[in-house]
Amino acid sequence: HQIVRMLLANLPPGVTIPVHHDTGEWVQHTHRVHVPVIVPQNLNHILFQCGPTPTSMERINCQPGHVFEMNNQAKHSVSNCSDSEYRVHLILDYVDKDKENDKSTSSPQQYRRPRRRILLQPGEQLLQTRRSIDRALDCGKRPTPTYMTLGAQKAGTTSLFEY
């Protein structure tokens, strides 16, 4: 895997980031992972929601130690409803480093992985990530990145995706 961007995002008390979705060439190719580092003592003071539309957004658990991947092409928003405590998340975007994403190949079609049908069991849960739909029973089986590139918002680390 290749880290495209990593930052510590600080959300002061009483601040809301309204419903939006991320855009840009990098968004459709990367995975977005959140690691809550500092959260208000009262976990109900953080309202983090994500979903395909503003009316279908669901709350995401943001307690320390709960690492989660979110689809930031979907609608999402966050509010820190605390009057005195900050919320800090480590946010990282990474791309799968495989033949499908290797821009140096002359014919990407020849390297596409064949898709196979998977028969789902009744009641089986699926999890949506940015570029895939995964079975809940496979959760946690994806390898983690092996290194990090530290950066900040608007500091140019996103451009690493292009090189």
N, C-alpha and C. Protein backbone atom coordinates (compact mmCIF):
# COMPACT_ATOMS: atom_id res chain seq x y z
N HIS A 1 0.84 -1.17 0.00
CA HIS A 1 0.00 0.00 0.00
C HIS A 1 0.89 1.25 0.00
N GLN A 2 0.34 2.33 -0.48
CA GLN A 2 1.08 3.58 -0.53
C GLN A 2 0.23 4.67 0.14
N ILE A 3 0.80 5.30 1.16
CA ILE A 3 0.12 6.40 1.83
C ILE A 3 0.15 7.62 0.93
N VAL A 4 -0.99 8.23 0.73
CA VAL A 4 -1.10 9.44 -0.09
C VAL A 4 -1.08 10.68 0.80
N ARG A 5 -1.78 10.59 1.92
CA ARG A 5 -1.85 11.74 2.82
C ARG A 5 -2.13 11.24 4.23
N MET A 6 -1.56 11.97 5.20
CA MET A 6 -1.81 11.67 6.60
C MET A 6 -1.77 12.98 7.36
N LEU A 7 -2.77 13.18 8.22
CA LEU A 7 -2.80 14.42 8.99
C LEU A 7 -3.52 14.21 10.30
N LEU A 8 -3.24 15.10 11.25
CA LEU A 8 -3.99 15.15 12.49
C LEU A 8 -5.04 16.24 12.31
N ALA A 9 -6.31 15.89 12.39
CA ALA A 9 -7.40 16.84 12.19
C ALA A 9 -7.97 17.21 13.56
N ASN A 10 -7.90 18.50 13.87
CA ASN A 10 -8.33 19.03 15.15
C ASN A 10 -9.67 19.73 14.96
N LEU A 11 -10.69 19.30 15.68
CA LEU A 11 -12.00 19.94 15.61
C LEU A 11 -12.29 20.58 16.97
N PRO A 12 -12.24 21.92 17.02
CA PRO A 12 -12.45 22.62 18.29
C PRO A 12 -13.87 22.44 18.83
N PRO A 13 -14.06 22.72 20.12
CA PRO A 13 -15.40 22.63 20.71
C PRO A 13 -16.38 23.54 20.00
N GLY A 14 -17.61 23.06 19.82
CA GLY A 14 -18.67 23.85 19.23
C GLY A 14 -18.61 24.03 17.72
N VAL A 15 -17.72 23.32 17.05
CA VAL A 15 -17.55 23.48 15.60
C VAL A 15 -18.23 22.33 14.85
N THR A 16 -18.85 22.67 13.71
CA THR A 16 -19.48 21.69 12.84
C THR A 16 -18.89 21.82 11.44
N ILE A 17 -18.54 20.69 10.85
CA ILE A 17 -18.19 20.64 9.43
C ILE A 17 -19.46 20.14 8.75
N PRO A 18 -20.12 20.99 7.94
CA PRO A 18 -21.42 20.61 7.39
C PRO A 18 -21.33 19.46 6.39
N VAL A 19 -22.49 18.95 6.03
CA VAL A 19 -22.59 17.83 5.08
C VAL A 19 -21.88 18.20 3.78
N HIS A 20 -21.01 17.31 3.34
CA HIS A 20 -20.26 17.51 2.10
C HIS A 20 -19.75 16.15 1.63
N HIS A 21 -19.11 16.12 0.47
CA HIS A 21 -18.39 14.94 0.01
C HIS A 21 -17.09 15.44 -0.59
N ASP A 22 -16.05 14.61 -0.51
CA ASP A 22 -14.74 15.00 -1.01
C ASP A 22 -14.67 14.77 -2.51
N THR A 23 -13.91 15.62 -3.19
CA THR A 23 -13.75 15.52 -4.63
C THR A 23 -12.27 15.59 -4.98
N GLY A 24 -11.97 15.33 -6.21
CA GLY A 24 -10.58 15.36 -6.68
C GLY A 24 -10.20 14.01 -7.25
N GLU A 25 -9.20 14.02 -8.09
CA GLU A 25 -8.74 12.79 -8.75
C GLU A 25 -8.36 11.71 -7.73
N TRP A 26 -7.72 12.11 -6.66
CA TRP A 26 -7.24 11.15 -5.66
C TRP A 26 -8.36 10.43 -4.93
N VAL A 27 -9.53 11.07 -4.77
CA VAL A 27 -10.60 10.52 -3.94
C VAL A 27 -11.09 9.17 -4.45
N GLN A 28 -11.25 9.05 -5.76
CA GLN A 28 -11.80 7.80 -6.29
C GLN A 28 -10.81 6.64 -6.24
N HIS A 29 -9.55 6.90 -5.90
CA HIS A 29 -8.54 5.84 -5.88
C HIS A 29 -8.06 5.48 -4.48
N THR A 30 -8.39 6.30 -3.49
CA THR A 30 -7.81 6.09 -2.16
C THR A 30 -8.82 5.53 -1.18
N HIS A 31 -8.29 4.98 -0.11
CA HIS A 31 -9.07 4.54 1.04
C HIS A 31 -8.85 5.58 2.14
N ARG A 32 -9.90 5.99 2.84
CA ARG A 32 -9.80 6.97 3.93
C ARG A 32 -9.99 6.24 5.25
N VAL A 33 -9.00 6.37 6.13
CA VAL A 33 -9.04 5.73 7.44
C VAL A 33 -8.97 6.80 8.53
N HIS A 34 -9.83 6.68 9.53
CA HIS A 34 -9.85 7.58 10.69
C HIS A 34 -9.40 6.81 11.92
N VAL A 35 -8.56 7.46 12.72
CA VAL A 35 -8.14 6.91 14.00
C VAL A 35 -8.43 7.98 15.06
N PRO A 36 -9.52 7.85 15.82
CA PRO A 36 -9.78 8.81 16.89
C PRO A 36 -8.64 8.79 17.92
N VAL A 37 -8.05 9.96 18.17
CA VAL A 37 -6.93 10.06 19.11
C VAL A 37 -7.40 10.72 20.40
N ILE A 38 -8.06 11.87 20.28
CA ILE A 38 -8.60 12.58 21.43
C ILE A 38 -10.07 12.87 21.15
N VAL A 39 -10.92 12.48 22.06
CA VAL A 39 -12.35 12.77 21.92
C VAL A 39 -12.88 13.26 23.26
N PRO A 40 -13.97 14.04 23.25
CA PRO A 40 -14.56 14.46 24.52
C PRO A 40 -14.93 13.26 25.38
N GLN A 41 -14.87 13.45 26.70
CA GLN A 41 -15.21 12.37 27.62
C GLN A 41 -16.60 11.82 27.33
N ASN A 42 -17.54 12.70 27.08
CA ASN A 42 -18.89 12.28 26.72
C ASN A 42 -18.90 12.00 25.22
N LEU A 43 -18.87 10.74 24.83
CA LEU A 43 -18.79 10.36 23.41
C LEU A 43 -19.98 10.87 22.61
N ASN A 44 -21.09 11.16 23.27
CA ASN A 44 -22.26 11.70 22.56
C ASN A 44 -22.03 13.11 22.07
N HIS A 45 -20.96 13.76 22.51
CA HIS A 45 -20.66 15.12 22.06
C HIS A 45 -20.07 15.15 20.65
N ILE A 46 -19.67 14.00 20.14
CA ILE A 46 -19.17 13.93 18.75
C ILE A 46 -20.24 13.27 17.89
N LEU A 47 -20.70 13.99 16.89
CA LEU A 47 -21.68 13.45 15.95
C LEU A 47 -21.01 13.38 14.58
N PHE A 48 -20.55 12.19 14.23
CA PHE A 48 -19.89 11.94 12.94
C PHE A 48 -20.84 11.05 12.15
N GLN A 49 -21.25 11.52 10.97
CA GLN A 49 -22.21 10.76 10.17
C GLN A 49 -21.70 10.61 8.74
N CYS A 50 -22.08 9.50 8.10
CA CYS A 50 -21.68 9.24 6.72
C CYS A 50 -22.77 8.39 6.06
N GLY A 51 -23.01 8.65 4.76
CA GLY A 51 -23.98 7.86 4.02
C GLY A 51 -24.11 8.34 2.59
N PRO A 52 -24.82 7.60 1.76
CA PRO A 52 -24.94 7.94 0.34
C PRO A 52 -25.64 9.28 0.09
N THR A 53 -26.59 9.64 0.96
CA THR A 53 -27.32 10.90 0.82
C THR A 53 -27.43 11.53 2.21
N PRO A 54 -27.69 12.84 2.27
CA PRO A 54 -27.83 13.49 3.58
C PRO A 54 -28.91 12.86 4.46
N THR A 55 -29.97 12.34 3.86
CA THR A 55 -31.05 11.76 4.66
C THR A 55 -30.79 10.31 5.08
N SER A 56 -29.76 9.68 4.51
CA SER A 56 -29.49 8.28 4.85
C SER A 56 -28.18 8.12 5.62
N MET A 57 -27.61 9.22 6.10
CA MET A 57 -26.34 9.13 6.83
C MET A 57 -26.54 8.43 8.17
N GLU A 58 -25.55 7.64 8.56
CA GLU A 58 -25.59 6.93 9.84
C GLU A 58 -24.44 7.39 10.71
N ARG A 59 -24.66 7.33 12.01
CA ARG A 59 -23.64 7.74 12.97
C ARG A 59 -22.49 6.74 13.01
N ILE A 60 -21.27 7.26 13.11
CA ILE A 60 -20.07 6.42 13.19
C ILE A 60 -19.51 6.52 14.61
N ASN A 61 -19.16 5.38 15.18
CA ASN A 61 -18.58 5.30 16.51
C ASN A 61 -17.19 5.94 16.48
N CYS A 62 -16.96 6.96 17.29
CA CYS A 62 -15.68 7.68 17.28
C CYS A 62 -14.97 7.63 18.62
N GLN A 63 -14.98 6.48 19.26
CA GLN A 63 -14.26 6.39 20.53
C GLN A 63 -12.79 6.05 20.26
N PRO A 64 -11.88 6.46 21.14
CA PRO A 64 -10.46 6.14 20.95
C PRO A 64 -10.26 4.64 20.78
N GLY A 65 -9.42 4.27 19.84
CA GLY A 65 -9.13 2.87 19.58
C GLY A 65 -10.02 2.25 18.52
N HIS A 66 -11.10 2.94 18.12
CA HIS A 66 -11.96 2.43 17.06
C HIS A 66 -11.47 2.99 15.72
N VAL A 67 -10.72 2.20 15.01
CA VAL A 67 -10.19 2.60 13.70
C VAL A 67 -11.22 2.21 12.66
N PHE A 68 -11.54 3.15 11.76
CA PHE A 68 -12.55 2.84 10.76
C PHE A 68 -12.20 3.45 9.41
N GLU A 69 -12.63 2.74 8.37
CA GLU A 69 -12.51 3.25 7.00
C GLU A 69 -13.86 3.82 6.61
N MET A 70 -13.85 4.97 5.97
CA MET A 70 -15.10 5.58 5.53
C MET A 70 -15.03 5.92 4.05
N ASN A 71 -16.16 5.99 3.45
CA ASN A 71 -16.26 6.37 2.04
C ASN A 71 -16.46 7.87 1.99
N ASN A 72 -15.37 8.63 1.76
CA ASN A 72 -15.52 10.09 1.77
C ASN A 72 -16.00 10.64 0.43
N GLN A 73 -16.35 9.76 -0.52
CA GLN A 73 -17.09 10.20 -1.71
C GLN A 73 -18.57 10.30 -1.36
N ALA A 74 -18.97 9.62 -0.28
CA ALA A 74 -20.35 9.71 0.20
C ALA A 74 -20.49 10.99 1.01
N LYS A 75 -21.72 11.35 1.30
CA LYS A 75 -21.97 12.53 2.13
C LYS A 75 -21.51 12.23 3.56
N HIS A 76 -20.90 13.23 4.20
CA HIS A 76 -20.49 13.07 5.58
C HIS A 76 -20.41 14.44 6.26
N SER A 77 -20.50 14.42 7.57
CA SER A 77 -20.39 15.63 8.38
C SER A 77 -19.94 15.24 9.78
N VAL A 78 -19.46 16.24 10.52
CA VAL A 78 -19.05 16.00 11.91
C VAL A 78 -19.32 17.25 12.73
N SER A 79 -19.78 17.04 13.95
CA SER A 79 -20.00 18.13 14.90
C SER A 79 -19.35 17.78 16.23
N ASN A 80 -18.62 18.74 16.80
CA ASN A 80 -18.10 18.61 18.15
C ASN A 80 -19.01 19.44 19.04
N CYS A 81 -19.93 18.80 19.70
CA CYS A 81 -20.94 19.49 20.52
C CYS A 81 -20.45 19.79 21.93
N SER A 82 -19.19 19.48 22.22
CA SER A 82 -18.63 19.78 23.53
C SER A 82 -18.42 21.30 23.63
N ASP A 83 -18.52 21.82 24.84
CA ASP A 83 -18.26 23.24 25.01
C ASP A 83 -16.83 23.53 25.46
N SER A 84 -16.02 22.47 25.70
CA SER A 84 -14.66 22.73 26.17
C SER A 84 -13.60 21.73 25.69
N GLU A 85 -14.00 20.60 25.11
CA GLU A 85 -13.03 19.57 24.74
C GLU A 85 -12.87 19.47 23.22
N TYR A 86 -11.64 19.26 22.78
CA TYR A 86 -11.31 19.12 21.36
C TYR A 86 -11.51 17.67 20.92
N ARG A 87 -11.65 17.50 19.60
CA ARG A 87 -11.65 16.18 18.98
C ARG A 87 -10.49 16.16 18.00
N VAL A 88 -9.61 15.17 18.12
CA VAL A 88 -8.47 15.03 17.22
C VAL A 88 -8.50 13.63 16.62
N HIS A 89 -8.44 13.56 15.29
CA HIS A 89 -8.36 12.28 14.59
C HIS A 89 -7.10 12.26 13.75
N LEU A 90 -6.45 11.11 13.69
CA LEU A 90 -5.42 10.86 12.69
C LEU A 90 -6.16 10.37 11.46
N ILE A 91 -6.00 11.07 10.34
CA ILE A 91 -6.68 10.70 9.10
C ILE A 91 -5.62 10.32 8.09
N LEU A 92 -5.79 9.17 7.45
CA LEU A 92 -4.84 8.80 6.41
C LEU A 92 -5.59 8.28 5.19
N ASP A 93 -5.03 8.62 4.05
CA ASP A 93 -5.54 8.14 2.77
C ASP A 93 -4.44 7.27 2.16
N TYR A 94 -4.82 6.09 1.68
CA TYR A 94 -3.83 5.23 1.03
C TYR A 94 -4.43 4.59 -0.20
N VAL A 95 -3.56 4.16 -1.11
CA VAL A 95 -3.97 3.45 -2.31
C VAL A 95 -3.42 2.04 -2.24
N ASP A 96 -4.15 1.11 -2.84
CA ASP A 96 -3.65 -0.25 -2.97
C ASP A 96 -2.53 -0.21 -4.00
N LYS A 97 -1.40 -0.74 -3.67
CA LYS A 97 -0.28 -0.78 -4.61
C LYS A 97 -0.30 -2.14 -5.28
N ASP A 98 -1.05 -2.24 -6.37
CA ASP A 98 -1.15 -3.49 -7.10
C ASP A 98 -1.18 -3.20 -8.59
N LYS A 99 -1.23 -4.22 -9.39
CA LYS A 99 -1.21 -4.05 -10.85
C LYS A 99 -2.40 -3.23 -11.33
N GLU A 100 -3.55 -3.34 -10.64
CA GLU A 100 -4.73 -2.61 -11.07
C GLU A 100 -4.51 -1.10 -10.95
N ASN A 101 -3.71 -0.65 -9.97
CA ASN A 101 -3.49 0.76 -9.74
C ASN A 101 -2.16 1.25 -10.27
N ASP A 102 -1.34 0.39 -10.85
CA ASP A 102 -0.02 0.78 -11.32
C ASP A 102 -0.15 1.57 -12.61
N LYS A 103 0.17 2.88 -12.55
CA LYS A 103 0.00 3.75 -13.70
C LYS A 103 1.08 3.52 -14.77
N SER A 104 2.12 2.76 -14.44
CA SER A 104 3.20 2.57 -15.39
C SER A 104 2.90 1.49 -16.42
N THR A 105 1.84 0.74 -16.26
CA THR A 105 1.54 -0.33 -17.21
C THR A 105 0.97 0.27 -18.49
N SER A 106 1.32 -0.31 -19.61
CA SER A 106 0.86 0.24 -20.89
C SER A 106 -0.57 -0.19 -21.20
N SER A 107 -1.00 -1.34 -20.67
CA SER A 107 -2.34 -1.82 -20.94
C SER A 107 -3.00 -2.27 -19.64
N PRO A 108 -3.64 -1.35 -18.92
CA PRO A 108 -4.20 -1.71 -17.63
C PRO A 108 -5.24 -2.83 -17.71
N GLN A 109 -5.95 -2.96 -18.83
CA GLN A 109 -6.98 -3.99 -18.95
C GLN A 109 -6.40 -5.39 -18.76
N GLN A 110 -5.17 -5.62 -19.24
CA GLN A 110 -4.62 -6.96 -19.14
C GLN A 110 -4.28 -7.36 -17.71
N TYR A 111 -4.20 -6.38 -16.79
CA TYR A 111 -3.84 -6.68 -15.41
C TYR A 111 -5.03 -6.68 -14.47
N ARG A 112 -6.21 -6.43 -14.97
CA ARG A 112 -7.39 -6.40 -14.10
C ARG A 112 -7.60 -7.78 -13.49
N ARG A 113 -7.90 -7.78 -12.21
CA ARG A 113 -8.19 -9.04 -11.53
C ARG A 113 -9.54 -9.57 -11.99
N PRO A 114 -9.65 -10.86 -12.27
CA PRO A 114 -10.96 -11.39 -12.65
C PRO A 114 -11.91 -11.29 -11.46
N ARG A 115 -13.13 -10.95 -11.74
CA ARG A 115 -14.14 -10.87 -10.69
C ARG A 115 -14.79 -12.25 -10.55
N ARG A 116 -15.01 -12.66 -9.32
CA ARG A 116 -15.66 -13.94 -9.10
C ARG A 116 -16.95 -13.70 -8.33
N ARG A 117 -17.93 -14.53 -8.62
CA ARG A 117 -19.20 -14.44 -7.92
C ARG A 117 -19.06 -15.03 -6.53
N ILE A 118 -19.71 -14.36 -5.59
CA ILE A 118 -19.71 -14.85 -4.21
C ILE A 118 -21.17 -15.03 -3.81
N LEU A 119 -21.51 -16.21 -3.38
CA LEU A 119 -22.86 -16.50 -2.94
C LEU A 119 -22.98 -16.08 -1.48
N LEU A 120 -23.86 -15.10 -1.22
CA LEU A 120 -24.06 -14.61 0.14
C LEU A 120 -25.08 -15.47 0.86
N GLN A 121 -24.88 -15.60 2.15
CA GLN A 121 -25.82 -16.34 2.99
C GLN A 121 -26.96 -15.42 3.40
N PRO A 122 -28.16 -15.93 3.62
CA PRO A 122 -29.27 -15.09 4.07
C PRO A 122 -28.88 -14.31 5.33
N GLY A 123 -29.12 -13.01 5.33
CA GLY A 123 -28.83 -12.16 6.48
C GLY A 123 -27.38 -11.72 6.60
N GLU A 124 -26.52 -12.13 5.68
CA GLU A 124 -25.11 -11.75 5.75
C GLU A 124 -24.96 -10.24 5.55
N GLN A 125 -24.08 -9.64 6.35
CA GLN A 125 -23.89 -8.19 6.27
C GLN A 125 -22.75 -7.84 5.33
N LEU A 126 -22.94 -6.71 4.62
CA LEU A 126 -21.92 -6.19 3.73
C LEU A 126 -21.48 -4.82 4.24
N LEU A 127 -20.22 -4.48 4.00
CA LEU A 127 -19.66 -3.19 4.41
C LEU A 127 -19.18 -2.45 3.17
N GLN A 128 -19.59 -1.20 3.02
CA GLN A 128 -19.16 -0.41 1.86
C GLN A 128 -17.91 0.37 2.22
N THR A 129 -16.88 0.25 1.40
CA THR A 129 -15.70 1.09 1.49
C THR A 129 -15.74 2.00 0.27
N ARG A 130 -14.69 2.74 0.06
CA ARG A 130 -14.69 3.69 -1.05
C ARG A 130 -14.83 3.00 -2.39
N ARG A 131 -14.09 1.92 -2.61
CA ARG A 131 -14.08 1.31 -3.93
C ARG A 131 -14.56 -0.12 -3.94
N SER A 132 -15.10 -0.59 -2.85
CA SER A 132 -15.50 -1.99 -2.85
C SER A 132 -16.66 -2.20 -1.87
N ILE A 133 -17.25 -3.34 -2.00
CA ILE A 133 -18.23 -3.80 -1.02
C ILE A 133 -17.66 -5.10 -0.48
N ASP A 134 -17.43 -5.14 0.82
CA ASP A 134 -16.80 -6.28 1.46
C ASP A 134 -17.80 -7.02 2.35
N ARG A 135 -17.55 -8.29 2.53
CA ARG A 135 -18.35 -9.10 3.44
C ARG A 135 -17.89 -8.78 4.87
N ALA A 136 -18.84 -8.63 5.78
CA ALA A 136 -18.50 -8.34 7.18
C ALA A 136 -17.60 -9.42 7.76
N LEU A 137 -17.80 -10.68 7.34
CA LEU A 137 -16.97 -11.76 7.88
C LEU A 137 -15.52 -11.67 7.43
N ASP A 138 -15.22 -10.86 6.40
CA ASP A 138 -13.85 -10.65 5.94
C ASP A 138 -13.21 -9.40 6.56
N CYS A 139 -13.94 -8.70 7.41
CA CYS A 139 -13.47 -7.46 8.01
C CYS A 139 -12.13 -7.69 8.74
N GLY A 140 -11.18 -6.80 8.50
CA GLY A 140 -9.89 -6.87 9.17
C GLY A 140 -8.86 -7.73 8.48
N LYS A 141 -9.18 -8.31 7.34
CA LYS A 141 -8.24 -9.19 6.65
C LYS A 141 -7.36 -8.45 5.65
N ARG A 142 -7.67 -7.17 5.36
CA ARG A 142 -6.86 -6.39 4.43
C ARG A 142 -5.56 -5.99 5.11
N PRO A 143 -4.41 -6.14 4.44
CA PRO A 143 -3.15 -5.77 5.09
C PRO A 143 -3.08 -4.27 5.35
N THR A 144 -2.40 -3.90 6.43
CA THR A 144 -2.25 -2.49 6.77
C THR A 144 -1.03 -1.92 6.04
N PRO A 145 -1.01 -0.60 5.82
CA PRO A 145 0.14 0.01 5.16
C PRO A 145 1.41 -0.21 5.98
N THR A 146 2.57 -0.21 5.30
CA THR A 146 3.83 -0.50 5.97
C THR A 146 4.64 0.75 6.31
N TYR A 147 4.23 1.93 5.82
CA TYR A 147 4.94 3.16 6.17
C TYR A 147 3.98 4.33 6.06
N MET A 148 4.42 5.50 6.56
CA MET A 148 3.56 6.67 6.57
C MET A 148 4.29 7.88 6.00
N THR A 149 3.54 8.78 5.38
CA THR A 149 4.04 10.08 4.98
C THR A 149 3.25 11.10 5.78
N LEU A 150 3.91 11.82 6.67
CA LEU A 150 3.21 12.80 7.49
C LEU A 150 3.04 14.09 6.72
N GLY A 151 1.90 14.73 6.90
CA GLY A 151 1.63 15.99 6.22
C GLY A 151 0.56 16.75 6.94
N ALA A 152 0.06 17.76 6.28
CA ALA A 152 -1.00 18.59 6.84
C ALA A 152 -1.92 19.02 5.72
N GLN A 153 -3.11 19.50 6.07
CA GLN A 153 -4.03 19.98 5.05
C GLN A 153 -3.37 21.11 4.28
N LYS A 154 -3.55 21.09 2.96
CA LYS A 154 -3.04 22.11 2.05
C LYS A 154 -1.51 22.23 2.07
N ALA A 155 -0.83 21.13 2.45
CA ALA A 155 0.64 21.15 2.50
C ALA A 155 1.27 20.42 1.33
N GLY A 156 0.47 19.93 0.39
CA GLY A 156 1.01 19.30 -0.80
C GLY A 156 1.21 17.81 -0.72
N THR A 157 0.87 17.17 0.40
CA THR A 157 1.10 15.72 0.49
C THR A 157 0.16 14.95 -0.42
N THR A 158 -1.01 15.51 -0.75
CA THR A 158 -1.92 14.83 -1.67
C THR A 158 -1.27 14.67 -3.04
N SER A 159 -0.40 15.60 -3.41
CA SER A 159 0.24 15.51 -4.72
C SER A 159 1.13 14.29 -4.83
N LEU A 160 1.50 13.66 -3.72
CA LEU A 160 2.29 12.43 -3.78
C LEU A 160 1.56 11.35 -4.56
N PHE A 161 0.23 11.41 -4.57
CA PHE A 161 -0.55 10.43 -5.32
C PHE A 161 -0.23 10.51 -6.80
N GLU A 162 0.07 11.71 -7.31
CA GLU A 162 0.31 11.90 -8.73
C GLU A 162 1.71 11.46 -9.17
N TYR A 163 2.62 11.21 -8.25
CA TYR A 163 4.01 10.90 -8.64
C TYR A 163 4.35 9.45 -8.51
